[in-house]
Amino acid sequence: MVSQGPDLPVRQAGVRRRRLAVVLEYDGRRYGGSQYQKNAPSIQGELEAALNKLTGENLRTAFAGRTDAGVHARGQVASFVTGSRHEPETFVRGLNYWLPADIAVQRALEVPLAFDVRRGARSREYRYLVLNSPLPSPLLQAFTLQVAEQLDVEAMREAASLLVGRHDFAAFAGPVAGGTLRSLHRCELKARGRLLAVCMEADAFLPHQVRRTVGMLVQVGLGRQSAADLAALLREPQPGVAGPAAPPQGLCLMKVNYPGLDLSPPDGWEGPPCETTI
């Protein structure tokens, strides 16, 4: 048997290869991130172990987006090539049997062999949840950033509107190799009770871009920064100065969009926490 590269399993003679895409939901608290880690468990490692138990194959998976340690997902997409004849529904049931309780496959779909789960994505949608309350919430602390002081949501919305469009987001990124121009399609703030959701959609995001953006918007909401300060960082970007970066637990990858292909998570559930559907 001969290896077919980093995103392909071992080839078996006479076996029809096909590519499947799966939509994953996970609680990221226990993991070092979505991709393989040397010294921490990963979503990729758990998924590939479950695939091995289900199919008997040593499969390599690819992910639509990289999530950091502690970051959650509602609609992460992974793909792999397999010789298994299982129907997509069998992959959903079988993988969920073998996966740990904090990772679940929500959908599976056969896609063209040429499908590229990362480069083929049209956009990615993230949500960051802020608990704006002087009182802590044991039920929400694993999925939100608590801000005790009252936030000026309208000032935050004004600042967020300046981010929409194609900009150099170097100030909002961690260390990155390559260009820092990105197209941000949407940056909205939705409030419900004591919860505030920052919803962002872009063609692609820079490392830590969402968390640094949220950190900067919180500073605006607290009156420590202004929309003008944020605009200045877009005009004259200084690498990594926006923020501080919000902690990972409030961030969730909600959805990955593909042209002509529906890989949305199932309707009717917006992910943690259960208190909100914003």
Protein backbone atom coordinates (compact mmCIF):
# COMPACT_ATOMS: atom_id res chain seq x y z
CA MET A 1 0.00 0.00 0.00
CA VAL A 2 1.21 3.52 -0.87
CA SER A 3 0.56 6.79 0.99
CA GLN A 4 -1.37 9.34 -1.06
CA GLY A 5 -0.28 12.49 0.79
CA PRO A 6 -1.36 14.45 3.84
CA ASP A 7 -5.07 14.65 3.00
CA LEU A 8 -5.57 11.18 1.53
CA PRO A 9 -5.77 7.76 3.15
CA VAL A 10 -3.85 4.69 2.13
CA ARG A 11 -5.00 3.50 -1.31
CA GLN A 12 -6.35 -0.01 -1.69
CA ALA A 13 -6.42 -1.67 -5.11
CA GLY A 14 -9.90 -2.00 -6.60
CA VAL A 15 -11.62 0.16 -3.97
CA ARG A 16 -13.63 3.16 -5.14
CA ARG A 17 -12.45 6.25 -3.32
CA ARG A 18 -14.94 8.94 -2.36
CA ARG A 19 -14.76 12.12 -0.34
CA LEU A 20 -17.09 12.92 2.52
CA ALA A 21 -17.59 16.16 4.39
CA VAL A 22 -18.83 16.20 7.99
CA VAL A 23 -20.22 19.08 10.04
CA LEU A 24 -18.80 19.07 13.56
CA GLU A 25 -19.99 20.61 16.80
CA TYR A 26 -17.59 20.64 19.74
CA ASP A 27 -16.85 22.07 23.13
CA GLY A 28 -13.24 23.17 22.79
CA ARG A 29 -12.34 23.48 26.47
CA ARG A 30 -10.51 20.17 26.67
CA TYR A 31 -8.52 20.55 23.45
CA GLY A 32 -5.38 22.29 22.29
CA GLY A 33 -7.22 23.31 19.11
CA SER A 34 -8.77 21.80 16.02
CA GLN A 35 -5.46 20.71 14.45
CA TYR A 36 -2.96 18.16 15.71
CA GLN A 37 -0.98 19.25 18.78
CA LYS A 38 2.22 17.69 20.06
CA ASN A 39 1.33 17.90 23.73
CA ALA A 40 -2.46 18.26 23.84
CA PRO A 41 -5.54 16.43 22.54
CA SER A 42 -7.07 17.86 19.35
CA ILE A 43 -10.36 17.67 17.48
CA GLN A 44 -8.54 16.26 14.44
CA GLY A 45 -6.91 13.53 16.50
CA GLU A 46 -10.22 12.44 18.02
CA LEU A 47 -12.01 12.47 14.64
CA GLU A 48 -9.32 10.41 12.93
CA ALA A 49 -9.28 7.90 15.79
CA ALA A 50 -13.06 7.51 15.48
CA LEU A 51 -12.80 7.10 11.70
CA ASN A 52 -10.24 4.35 12.19
CA LYS A 53 -12.54 2.49 14.56
CA LEU A 54 -15.51 2.87 12.20
CA THR A 55 -13.83 2.06 8.88
CA GLY A 56 -10.59 0.26 9.75
CA GLU A 57 -8.75 2.83 7.60
CA ASN A 58 -6.01 5.25 8.62
CA LEU A 59 -7.58 8.43 7.25
CA ARG A 60 -6.23 11.96 7.23
CA THR A 61 -8.77 14.74 7.67
CA ALA A 62 -8.69 18.38 6.59
CA PHE A 63 -10.58 21.21 8.29
CA ALA A 64 -12.29 24.31 6.90
CA GLY A 65 -10.87 26.54 9.61
CA ARG A 66 -8.35 26.35 12.42
CA THR A 67 -9.75 26.95 15.91
CA ASP A 68 -7.42 27.71 18.81
CA ALA A 69 -7.25 26.03 22.19
CA GLY A 70 -10.49 26.49 24.09
CA VAL A 71 -12.51 27.74 21.09
CA HIS A 72 -15.82 26.02 20.31
CA ALA A 73 -17.56 25.14 17.05
CA ARG A 74 -21.17 24.80 15.99
CA GLY A 75 -20.51 24.29 12.28
CA GLN A 76 -16.89 23.28 11.69
CA VAL A 77 -16.46 21.30 8.46
CA ALA A 78 -13.94 18.50 7.93
CA SER A 79 -13.42 16.25 4.94
CA PHE A 80 -11.66 12.98 4.17
CA VAL A 81 -11.30 10.40 1.41
CA THR A 82 -12.41 6.88 2.20
CA GLY A 83 -12.88 3.50 0.57
CA SER A 84 -15.69 2.66 3.00
CA ARG A 85 -19.09 1.90 1.50
CA HIS A 86 -20.98 3.26 4.54
CA GLU A 87 -23.79 5.68 3.76
CA PRO A 88 -23.37 9.24 5.08
CA GLU A 89 -26.02 8.59 7.75
CA THR A 90 -23.98 5.61 8.97
CA PHE A 91 -20.94 7.86 9.33
CA VAL A 92 -23.00 10.21 11.51
CA ARG A 93 -24.21 7.44 13.80
CA GLY A 94 -20.96 5.49 13.84
CA LEU A 95 -18.65 8.44 14.45
CA ASN A 96 -20.86 9.74 17.24
CA TYR A 97 -20.65 6.31 18.87
CA TRP A 98 -16.83 6.47 18.93
CA LEU A 99 -16.29 10.19 19.50
CA PRO A 100 -16.05 11.61 23.04
CA ALA A 101 -19.12 13.38 24.39
CA ASP A 102 -17.74 16.87 23.73
CA ILE A 103 -17.48 16.30 19.95
CA ALA A 104 -20.39 15.36 17.67
CA VAL A 105 -20.99 14.95 13.95
CA GLN A 106 -24.17 16.81 13.00
CA ARG A 107 -24.23 16.05 9.27
CA ALA A 108 -22.32 14.03 6.67
CA LEU A 109 -22.43 14.50 2.92
CA GLU A 110 -20.64 12.92 -0.03
CA VAL A 111 -18.87 15.65 -2.02
CA PRO A 112 -16.78 15.65 -5.21
CA LEU A 113 -13.30 14.17 -4.88
CA ALA A 114 -11.86 17.55 -5.92
CA PHE A 115 -13.65 19.35 -3.06
CA ASP A 116 -11.18 21.45 -1.02
CA VAL A 117 -12.69 22.03 2.41
CA ARG A 118 -10.48 25.04 3.16
CA ARG A 119 -9.87 26.77 -0.17
CA GLY A 120 -13.37 26.06 -1.44
CA ALA A 121 -15.09 27.94 1.39
CA ARG A 122 -16.76 31.20 0.37
CA SER A 123 -16.95 32.57 3.92
CA ARG A 124 -16.77 31.66 7.59
CA GLU A 125 -19.05 32.90 10.37
CA TYR A 126 -17.97 33.34 13.99
CA ARG A 127 -19.84 34.46 17.07
CA TYR A 128 -18.36 35.77 20.30
CA LEU A 129 -20.56 35.94 23.41
CA VAL A 130 -20.11 38.53 26.15
CA LEU A 131 -21.90 38.31 29.49
CA ASN A 132 -22.40 41.94 30.49
CA SER A 133 -23.26 41.53 34.14
CA PRO A 134 -21.69 42.36 37.52
CA LEU A 135 -22.71 38.89 38.68
CA PRO A 136 -20.92 35.76 37.50
CA SER A 137 -22.83 32.89 35.92
CA PRO A 138 -21.52 29.39 36.61
CA LEU A 139 -23.66 28.06 33.75
CA LEU A 140 -22.39 30.56 31.18
CA GLN A 141 -18.77 31.05 32.20
CA ALA A 142 -17.50 28.27 29.90
CA PHE A 143 -18.94 29.99 26.81
CA THR A 144 -18.74 33.75 27.51
CA LEU A 145 -16.47 36.61 28.51
CA GLN A 146 -17.88 38.32 31.58
CA VAL A 147 -17.67 42.12 31.62
CA ALA A 148 -18.93 43.53 34.90
CA GLU A 149 -19.13 47.22 33.91
CA GLN A 150 -22.03 48.40 31.74
CA LEU A 151 -21.09 48.44 28.06
CA ASP A 152 -22.13 51.19 25.64
CA VAL A 153 -23.50 48.90 22.94
CA GLU A 154 -24.31 51.70 20.50
CA ALA A 155 -20.72 52.97 20.63
CA MET A 156 -19.55 49.41 19.98
CA ARG A 157 -21.92 49.11 17.01
CA GLU A 158 -20.57 52.36 15.53
CA ALA A 159 -17.02 51.08 15.81
CA ALA A 160 -17.95 47.64 14.45
CA SER A 161 -19.51 49.17 11.32
CA LEU A 162 -16.13 50.67 10.38
CA LEU A 163 -14.61 47.21 10.09
CA VAL A 164 -16.90 46.02 7.29
CA GLY A 165 -15.20 45.96 3.89
CA ARG A 166 -11.74 45.11 2.62
CA HIS A 167 -9.03 46.36 4.95
CA ASP A 168 -5.54 45.66 6.17
CA PHE A 169 -6.34 43.95 9.50
CA ALA A 170 -2.72 43.60 10.63
CA ALA A 171 -3.49 45.45 13.88
CA PHE A 172 -6.12 42.83 14.72
CA ALA A 173 -3.96 39.78 14.03
CA GLY A 174 -1.52 37.66 15.93
CA PRO A 175 1.77 36.68 14.27
CA VAL A 176 1.05 35.83 10.64
CA ALA A 177 3.07 34.98 7.55
CA GLY A 178 1.80 36.59 4.37
CA GLY A 179 -0.63 39.35 3.58
CA THR A 180 -3.09 40.82 6.06
CA LEU A 181 -5.77 42.13 3.68
CA ARG A 182 -9.12 40.52 4.36
CA SER A 183 -12.75 41.18 3.34
CA LEU A 184 -15.08 41.40 6.33
CA HIS A 185 -18.67 40.99 5.10
CA ARG A 186 -20.43 41.47 8.41
CA CYS A 187 -19.71 42.65 11.95
CA GLU A 188 -22.93 42.91 13.95
CA LEU A 189 -23.76 43.20 17.63
CA LYS A 190 -26.92 41.54 18.92
CA ALA A 191 -28.08 42.09 22.49
CA ARG A 192 -30.50 39.96 24.44
CA GLY A 193 -30.81 40.56 28.15
CA ARG A 194 -27.38 40.42 29.70
CA LEU A 195 -25.85 38.65 26.71
CA LEU A 196 -24.14 40.42 23.83
CA ALA A 197 -23.17 38.54 20.65
CA VAL A 198 -20.55 39.85 18.24
CA CYS A 199 -21.24 38.14 14.89
CA MET A 200 -18.60 38.30 12.16
CA GLU A 201 -18.42 36.87 8.65
CA ALA A 202 -15.43 37.08 6.31
CA ASP A 203 -13.89 35.30 3.37
CA ALA A 204 -11.10 34.29 5.74
CA PHE A 205 -9.81 35.44 9.12
CA LEU A 206 -6.30 36.17 10.35
CA PRO A 207 -5.04 34.39 13.49
CA HIS A 208 -6.75 35.86 16.58
CA GLN A 209 -8.59 38.44 14.43
CA VAL A 210 -12.02 37.84 15.96
CA ARG A 211 -10.74 37.78 19.54
CA ARG A 212 -8.68 40.96 19.09
CA THR A 213 -11.63 42.66 17.41
CA VAL A 214 -13.91 41.75 20.32
CA GLY A 215 -11.28 42.94 22.80
CA MET A 216 -11.08 46.28 21.02
CA LEU A 217 -14.88 46.63 20.84
CA VAL A 218 -15.15 45.92 24.57
CA GLN A 219 -12.64 48.71 25.20
CA VAL A 220 -14.85 51.01 23.11
CA GLY A 221 -17.89 49.91 25.08
CA LEU A 222 -16.09 50.75 28.33
CA GLY A 223 -15.12 54.21 27.02
CA ARG A 224 -11.39 53.44 27.02
CA GLN A 225 -11.14 53.51 23.21
CA SER A 226 -13.26 55.12 20.51
CA ALA A 227 -14.46 54.44 16.99
CA ALA A 228 -11.86 56.97 15.85
CA ASP A 229 -9.12 54.93 17.51
CA LEU A 230 -10.31 51.83 15.69
CA ALA A 231 -10.45 53.69 12.37
CA ALA A 232 -6.86 54.83 12.88
CA LEU A 233 -5.74 51.22 13.22
CA LEU A 234 -7.29 50.48 9.82
CA ARG A 235 -5.67 53.52 8.17
CA GLU A 236 -2.22 52.92 9.64
CA PRO A 237 -2.12 49.30 10.80
CA GLN A 238 0.45 48.41 13.43
CA PRO A 239 0.79 44.63 13.76
CA GLY A 240 -0.99 43.13 16.75
CA VAL A 241 -1.78 46.30 18.69
CA ALA A 242 -5.60 46.02 18.76
CA GLY A 243 -7.15 44.36 21.73
CA PRO A 244 -6.39 43.02 24.21
CA ALA A 245 -7.47 39.70 22.70
CA ALA A 246 -10.64 38.37 24.30
CA PRO A 247 -10.22 34.92 25.91
CA PRO A 248 -11.03 31.85 23.80
CA GLN A 249 -14.08 30.47 25.62
CA GLY A 250 -16.47 33.09 24.20
CA LEU A 251 -15.65 32.25 20.59
CA CYS A 252 -17.57 29.77 18.42
CA LEU A 253 -17.18 28.90 14.73
CA MET A 254 -20.83 28.91 13.73
CA LYS A 255 -20.89 28.09 10.02
CA VAL A 256 -18.77 27.64 6.89
CA ASN A 257 -20.38 28.64 3.58
CA TYR A 258 -19.67 27.01 0.21
CA PRO A 259 -20.96 27.99 -3.24
CA GLY A 260 -23.57 25.51 -4.44
CA LEU A 261 -23.18 23.23 -1.42
CA ASP A 262 -25.09 23.32 1.87
CA LEU A 263 -22.90 22.31 4.79
CA SER A 264 -24.82 24.28 7.41
CA PRO A 265 -25.40 22.83 10.86
CA PRO A 266 -28.97 21.62 11.45
CA ASP A 267 -31.62 24.25 12.12
CA GLY A 268 -33.13 24.92 15.52
CA TRP A 269 -30.08 25.07 17.76
CA GLU A 270 -27.65 27.97 17.94
CA GLY A 271 -25.07 26.29 20.14
CA PRO A 272 -24.00 27.11 23.69
CA PRO A 273 -25.12 28.58 25.92
CA CYS A 274 -28.70 27.32 26.18
CA GLU A 275 -29.94 30.66 27.56
CA THR A 276 -29.78 32.35 24.17
CA THR A 277 -30.63 31.78 20.52
CA ILE A 278 -29.04 35.02 19.30
